Protein backbone atom coordinates (compact mmCIF):
# COMPACT_ATOMS: atom_id res chain seq x y z
CA UNK A 1 -69.06 31.89 31.92
CA UNK A 2 -69.93 29.46 34.94
CA UNK A 3 -67.20 27.48 36.04
CA UNK A 4 -67.91 24.81 39.04
CA UNK A 5 -65.97 22.65 41.27
CA UNK A 6 -67.60 19.36 42.73
CA UNK A 7 -66.28 16.50 44.80
CA UNK A 8 -68.81 13.85 43.31
CA UNK A 9 -67.74 11.18 46.38
CA UNK A 10 -66.74 7.90 45.13
CA UNK A 11 -68.24 7.86 41.72
CA UNK A 12 -68.20 4.10 41.07
CA UNK A 13 -70.48 1.65 39.41
CA UNK A 14 -71.99 -1.30 41.18
CA UNK A 15 -69.96 -4.33 42.16
CA UNK A 16 -66.83 -2.11 42.64
CA UNK A 17 -65.29 -2.43 46.24
CA UNK A 18 -65.95 1.21 46.73
CA UNK A 19 -69.38 1.43 44.77
CA UNK A 20 -73.05 1.26 45.84
CA UNK A 21 -74.50 -2.41 46.00
CA UNK A 22 -77.61 -2.01 43.53
CA UNK A 23 -77.82 -0.73 40.12
CA UNK A 24 -81.04 1.40 41.58
CA UNK A 25 -78.85 3.26 44.22
CA UNK A 26 -76.28 3.79 41.39
CA UNK A 27 -78.77 5.38 38.90
CA UNK A 28 -80.23 7.52 41.59
CA UNK A 29 -76.71 9.02 42.06
CA UNK A 30 -76.04 9.56 38.60
CA UNK A 31 -79.56 11.43 38.19
CA UNK A 32 -78.93 13.47 40.88
CA UNK A 33 -75.50 14.45 39.89
CA UNK A 34 -76.64 15.15 36.52
CA UNK A 35 -79.68 16.99 37.47
CA UNK A 36 -77.45 19.40 39.62
CA UNK A 37 -74.97 20.12 36.66
CA UNK A 38 -77.70 20.53 34.42
CA UNK A 39 -79.71 22.92 36.39
CA UNK A 40 -76.35 24.99 36.99
CA UNK A 41 -75.57 24.82 33.06
CA UNK A 42 -71.59 25.56 33.64
CA UNK A 43 -69.24 25.53 30.91
CA UNK A 44 -66.25 24.26 32.69
CA UNK A 45 -66.29 21.68 35.86
CA UNK A 46 -63.69 20.31 37.79
CA UNK A 47 -64.85 17.08 39.33
CA UNK A 48 -63.26 15.10 41.82
CA UNK A 49 -63.41 11.45 43.38
CA UNK A 50 -64.23 10.14 39.98
CA UNK A 51 -63.65 6.16 40.16
CA UNK A 52 -64.41 4.02 37.39
CA UNK A 53 -63.98 5.82 34.04
CA UNK A 54 -67.05 3.98 32.73
CA UNK A 55 -69.09 5.91 35.85
CA UNK A 56 -67.86 8.81 34.34
CA UNK A 57 -69.26 8.18 30.85
CA UNK A 58 -72.37 7.40 32.29
CA UNK A 59 -72.63 10.73 34.03
CA UNK A 60 -71.68 12.56 31.01
CA UNK A 61 -74.40 10.62 28.65
CA UNK A 62 -76.91 11.90 31.44
CA UNK A 63 -76.00 15.57 30.92
CA UNK A 64 -77.77 17.77 28.13
CA UNK A 65 -75.70 18.61 25.32
CA UNK A 66 -72.35 17.74 24.17
CA UNK A 67 -69.23 17.65 26.63
CA UNK A 68 -65.27 17.56 26.17
CA UNK A 69 -63.62 15.37 29.09
CA UNK A 70 -59.85 15.05 30.54
CA UNK A 71 -58.79 12.74 33.12
CA UNK A 72 -55.85 12.79 35.34
CA UNK A 73 -53.28 9.89 34.85
CA UNK A 74 -52.23 10.26 38.63
CA UNK A 75 -54.15 8.36 41.43
CA UNK A 76 -53.78 5.69 43.96
CA UNK A 77 -54.11 2.10 42.82
CA UNK A 78 -55.57 1.28 46.09
CA UNK A 79 -58.39 3.52 45.97
CA UNK A 80 -58.42 4.80 42.30
CA UNK A 81 -60.30 8.29 42.56
CA UNK A 82 -59.09 10.82 40.36
CA UNK A 83 -59.86 14.53 39.25
CA UNK A 84 -61.35 15.29 35.90
CA UNK A 85 -62.20 18.23 33.91
CA UNK A 86 -65.62 18.24 31.60
CA UNK A 87 -66.24 21.23 29.42
CA UNK A 88 -68.66 22.42 27.01
CA UNK A 89 -65.70 23.82 25.12
CA UNK A 90 -62.70 22.08 23.45
CA UNK A 91 -59.85 21.34 25.73
CA UNK A 92 -56.48 21.09 25.43
CA UNK A 93 -54.09 19.55 28.32
CA UNK A 94 -51.45 21.94 29.72
CA UNK A 95 -50.12 19.68 32.50
CA UNK A 96 -50.87 16.76 34.78
CA UNK A 97 -48.53 16.51 37.77
CA UNK A 98 -48.12 14.61 40.69
CA UNK A 99 -44.35 14.59 41.67
CA UNK A 100 -43.32 17.19 44.39
CA UNK A 101 -41.05 19.70 43.56
CA UNK A 102 -37.24 18.70 43.64
CA UNK A 103 -36.49 21.03 46.37
CA UNK A 104 -39.30 19.61 48.73
CA UNK A 105 -38.13 17.11 50.89
CA UNK A 106 -39.98 13.51 50.79
CA UNK A 107 -42.80 13.47 53.28
CA UNK A 108 -43.71 10.27 55.86
CA UNK A 109 -47.26 9.13 55.76
CA UNK A 110 -47.16 6.83 58.36
CA UNK A 111 -44.81 5.26 61.29
CA UNK A 112 -43.32 2.99 58.80
CA UNK A 113 -42.50 2.82 54.99
CA UNK A 114 -40.84 4.98 52.59
CA UNK A 115 -41.45 8.51 52.53
CA UNK A 116 -43.65 9.78 49.38
CA UNK A 117 -42.62 11.88 46.88
CA UNK A 118 -45.75 12.98 44.89
CA UNK A 119 -49.08 13.65 45.09
CA UNK A 120 -51.83 11.08 45.67
CA UNK A 121 -54.11 12.46 43.08
CA UNK A 122 -52.65 14.19 40.34
CA UNK A 123 -53.45 18.35 39.52
CA UNK A 124 -54.82 18.51 36.20
CA UNK A 125 -54.35 21.79 34.06
CA UNK A 126 -56.36 22.12 30.72
CA UNK A 127 -56.42 25.30 28.35
CA UNK A 128 -59.85 26.41 26.68
CA UNK A 129 -60.23 29.35 24.13
CA UNK A 130 -62.69 31.17 26.47
CA UNK A 131 -63.49 34.60 25.05
CA UNK A 132 -61.82 34.41 21.75
CA UNK A 133 -58.63 36.29 22.65
CA UNK A 134 -55.10 36.16 24.39
CA UNK A 135 -54.14 33.12 26.03
CA UNK A 136 -57.57 31.99 26.45
CA UNK A 137 -58.40 30.24 29.95
CA UNK A 138 -56.16 27.91 31.96
CA UNK A 139 -58.31 25.93 34.26
CA UNK A 140 -56.70 23.73 37.25
CA UNK A 141 -58.30 21.24 39.31
CA UNK A 142 -57.23 19.14 42.61
CA UNK A 143 -58.12 17.08 45.42
CA UNK A 144 -55.89 17.47 48.24
CA UNK A 145 -55.19 14.86 51.09
CA UNK A 146 -58.22 14.16 53.01
CA UNK A 147 -58.68 15.23 56.52
CA UNK A 148 -60.25 11.57 57.05
CA UNK A 149 -57.76 9.69 58.86
CA UNK A 150 -57.28 6.20 58.54
CA UNK A 151 -54.95 3.81 60.20
CA UNK A 152 -53.28 0.57 58.75
CA UNK A 153 -54.89 -2.70 59.26
CA UNK A 154 -54.08 -6.33 58.28
CA UNK A 155 -53.86 -7.33 54.48
CA UNK A 156 -53.35 -4.02 53.14
CA UNK A 157 -56.65 -2.62 54.71
CA UNK A 158 -57.67 0.45 56.67
CA UNK A 159 -59.63 1.22 59.98
CA UNK A 160 -60.86 4.55 60.98
CA UNK A 161 -60.44 4.10 64.78
CA UNK A 162 -56.98 4.62 66.19
CA UNK A 163 -55.57 2.52 69.11
CA UNK A 164 -54.84 5.19 71.31
CA UNK A 165 -54.62 9.18 71.07
CA UNK A 166 -50.74 8.95 70.22
CA UNK A 167 -51.73 7.20 67.10
CA UNK A 168 -54.26 9.56 66.44
CA UNK A 169 -52.00 12.64 66.86
CA UNK A 170 -49.09 11.12 64.92
CA UNK A 171 -51.36 10.41 62.02
CA UNK A 172 -53.21 13.75 62.00
CA UNK A 173 -49.58 15.10 62.01
CA UNK A 174 -48.69 12.78 58.76
CA UNK A 175 -51.97 13.99 56.99
CA UNK A 176 -51.30 17.44 57.66
CA UNK A 177 -47.75 17.41 56.24
CA UNK A 178 -48.88 15.52 53.14
CA UNK A 179 -51.70 17.96 52.45
CA UNK A 180 -49.11 20.72 52.80
CA UNK A 181 -46.76 19.30 50.51
CA UNK A 182 -49.40 18.59 47.63
CA UNK A 183 -50.38 22.31 48.28
CA UNK A 184 -46.92 23.24 47.50
CA UNK A 185 -46.92 21.13 44.63
CA UNK A 186 -50.07 22.65 43.15
CA UNK A 187 -48.81 26.20 43.65
CA UNK A 188 -45.55 25.22 41.80
CA UNK A 189 -47.92 24.33 39.06
CA UNK A 190 -49.86 27.82 39.39
CA UNK A 191 -46.31 29.31 39.09
CA UNK A 192 -45.28 27.72 36.15
CA UNK A 193 -48.86 28.09 34.16
CA UNK A 194 -48.86 32.06 35.12
CA UNK A 195 -45.06 32.47 34.14
CA UNK A 196 -45.05 35.66 35.98
CA UNK A 197 -47.92 37.14 33.77
CA UNK A 198 -50.79 36.71 36.31
CA UNK A 199 -52.03 40.27 35.04
CA UNK A 200 -52.69 39.15 31.80
CA UNK A 201 -53.11 35.46 32.20
CA UNK A 202 -56.47 34.07 33.00
CA UNK A 203 -56.28 31.29 35.50
CA UNK A 204 -58.74 29.42 37.73
CA UNK A 205 -57.65 26.91 40.29
CA UNK A 206 -60.47 24.80 42.05
CA UNK A 207 -60.88 21.59 43.71
CA UNK A 208 -61.46 19.80 46.97
CA UNK A 209 -58.60 21.50 49.39
CA UNK A 210 -59.96 19.46 52.45
CA UNK A 211 -59.63 22.68 54.68
CA UNK A 212 -61.34 25.56 55.16
CA UNK A 213 -59.98 29.58 53.90
CA UNK A 214 -57.73 30.32 56.73
CA UNK A 215 -55.89 27.06 56.65
CA UNK A 216 -52.32 27.11 56.35
CA UNK A 217 -52.37 24.66 53.42
CA UNK A 218 -54.82 26.86 51.81
CA UNK A 219 -53.09 29.69 52.06
CA UNK A 220 -50.29 28.52 50.40
CA UNK A 221 -52.33 28.26 47.19
CA UNK A 222 -52.80 31.92 47.44
CA UNK A 223 -49.13 32.87 46.63
CA UNK A 224 -47.72 36.30 47.61
CA UNK A 225 -49.51 37.52 50.54
CA UNK A 226 -51.18 41.09 51.34
CA UNK A 227 -54.19 40.98 48.92
CA UNK A 228 -57.46 39.03 49.22
CA UNK A 229 -61.09 39.85 48.68
CA UNK A 230 -62.44 41.95 51.66
CA UNK A 231 -59.04 43.17 52.35
CA UNK A 232 -57.75 47.22 51.77
CA UNK A 233 -55.22 45.64 49.04
CA UNK A 234 -57.72 43.87 47.10
CA UNK A 235 -57.84 46.13 44.35
CA UNK A 236 -54.61 48.13 44.81
CA UNK A 237 -51.97 46.69 42.17
CA UNK A 238 -48.62 45.35 43.57
CA UNK A 239 -45.80 43.26 42.50
CA UNK A 240 -47.38 40.05 43.81
CA UNK A 241 -50.32 40.27 41.28
CA UNK A 242 -48.39 38.50 38.64
CA UNK A 243 -48.21 35.48 40.86
CA UNK A 244 -51.07 35.74 43.07
CA UNK A 245 -54.37 34.06 43.53
CA UNK A 246 -58.03 35.38 44.93
CA UNK A 247 -60.29 32.75 46.83
CA UNK A 248 -63.72 33.69 45.86
CA UNK A 249 -64.76 32.49 49.43
CA UNK A 250 -65.47 36.16 50.85
CA UNK A 251 -67.82 36.60 47.70
CA UNK A 252 -70.08 33.90 48.66
CA UNK A 253 -73.01 34.92 50.86
CA UNK A 254 -72.35 33.90 54.29
CA UNK A 255 -75.65 31.51 54.61
CA UNK A 256 -74.20 29.57 51.56
CA UNK A 257 -70.48 29.88 52.46
CA UNK A 258 -70.01 25.89 52.90
CA UNK A 259 -69.75 23.05 51.02
CA UNK A 260 -69.72 19.97 53.20
CA UNK A 261 -71.21 19.35 56.88
CA UNK A 262 -68.92 17.34 59.18
CA UNK A 263 -70.11 16.30 62.57
CA UNK A 264 -73.04 18.87 62.24
CA UNK A 265 -70.33 21.69 61.35
CA UNK A 266 -70.45 23.59 58.01
CA UNK A 267 -67.34 23.61 56.43
CA UNK A 268 -65.88 25.39 53.21
CA UNK A 269 -63.61 23.09 51.85
CA UNK A 270 -64.40 23.29 48.15
CA UNK A 271 -62.83 26.31 46.70
CA UNK A 272 -62.24 28.47 43.68
CA UNK A 273 -59.18 30.75 43.08
CA UNK A 274 -58.63 33.08 40.15
CA UNK A 275 -55.70 35.19 38.97
CA UNK A 276 -55.54 38.82 38.85
CA UNK A 277 -56.39 38.86 35.39
CA UNK A 278 -60.02 37.61 36.45
CA UNK A 279 -60.25 38.96 40.27
CA UNK A 280 -62.35 41.65 38.77
CA UNK A 281 -64.53 39.80 36.73
CA UNK A 282 -66.58 37.71 38.99
CA UNK A 283 -70.12 38.56 38.60
CA UNK A 284 -71.57 35.77 40.85
CA UNK A 285 -70.26 33.00 43.43
CA UNK A 286 -71.98 30.63 45.69
CA UNK A 287 -72.46 26.98 46.37
CA UNK A 288 -75.23 25.03 45.36
CA UNK A 289 -78.24 23.65 47.36
CA UNK A 290 -75.93 23.32 50.26
CA UNK A 291 -78.79 23.36 52.82
CA UNK A 292 -79.82 19.76 51.76
CA UNK A 293 -76.33 18.20 52.44
CA UNK A 294 -75.98 15.28 55.06
CA UNK A 295 -73.69 15.94 58.14
CA UNK A 296 -70.93 12.97 57.77
CA UNK A 297 -68.77 11.45 60.34
CA UNK A 298 -65.42 9.53 60.06
CA UNK A 299 -66.29 6.36 58.80
CA UNK A 300 -66.72 6.50 54.74
CA UNK A 301 -68.34 2.88 54.47
CA UNK A 302 -71.60 4.37 55.67
CA UNK A 303 -71.88 6.74 52.73
CA UNK A 304 -71.49 3.63 50.48
CA UNK A 305 -75.32 3.56 49.33
CA UNK A 306 -75.59 7.18 49.17
CA UNK A 307 -77.86 8.51 46.14
CA UNK A 308 -75.86 11.57 46.13
CA UNK A 309 -72.76 13.38 47.11
CA UNK A 310 -71.71 14.62 50.46
CA UNK A 311 -70.12 18.06 49.02
CA UNK A 312 -72.01 20.82 47.62
CA UNK A 313 -70.72 22.39 44.15
CA UNK A 314 -68.98 25.83 44.29
CA UNK A 315 -69.28 28.02 41.25
CA UNK A 316 -68.01 31.37 39.96
CA UNK A 317 -69.72 33.31 37.16
CA UNK A 318 -66.97 35.09 35.05
CA UNK A 319 -67.22 38.10 32.77
CA UNK A 320 -65.43 36.78 29.75
């Protein structure tokens, strides 16, 4: 079974505030996204940055075969991008969460305003009957707070240049704190789904984590430390295996180990993690056609007319 995660970058129809100006540009993007998915032929895909639900249906219509879809109900009304799961197998919603765990303090996201108590975009979990035995497969997708910094502007709008370096530093701290709180929330969801049975429960967590493998926020999602692919403990059982997740990143060939190019630098910020029940069942891992990615900067408006995503999809082939 091939599973995949992909940030499809502001998937909106023409005419929307965040969509392209022309139908031709939009159609080119739908065709490019569909072509990549069709060529990969995945069974399950976690999508991020799906804006217009009608645009999602346009994408599904361009895919080969029949697909089931589930869309998260949690998103920011000012920029309504959300996570979605599409699947060739029937889906059952296991959870759709955004609220921070009760013991986690609210997080400030700016110099003023009320601290937030929920993720900006929901974390969506579905269950599929993959392999026909046991608990099936739990598949979770999320999209953590962007590393892109934005600053308040009049009329509720945003600007992408700070007034000074002090504002930049404060805003970077707010964004990092928010992403960390979101990682804690997703980790709590994984804990609930595994329920201390990670050696038996097959779970995949995927999504745009907006940071690289060794970042503190990414590491939060792994759970108990001490065992990752490429370390001495990877195949040595311990008590942490019932809650631990393994990031597939070290299994991706180094030339492919990136999913975005930011200011000329290659980054792997789109990740797939698996529970212990799957960690020995990964037969292939990679990213798809990352060499063609365009380097991006700090102004998202530049990308409104783009005919593809600024992210490469990541995938894992599972022997189930």
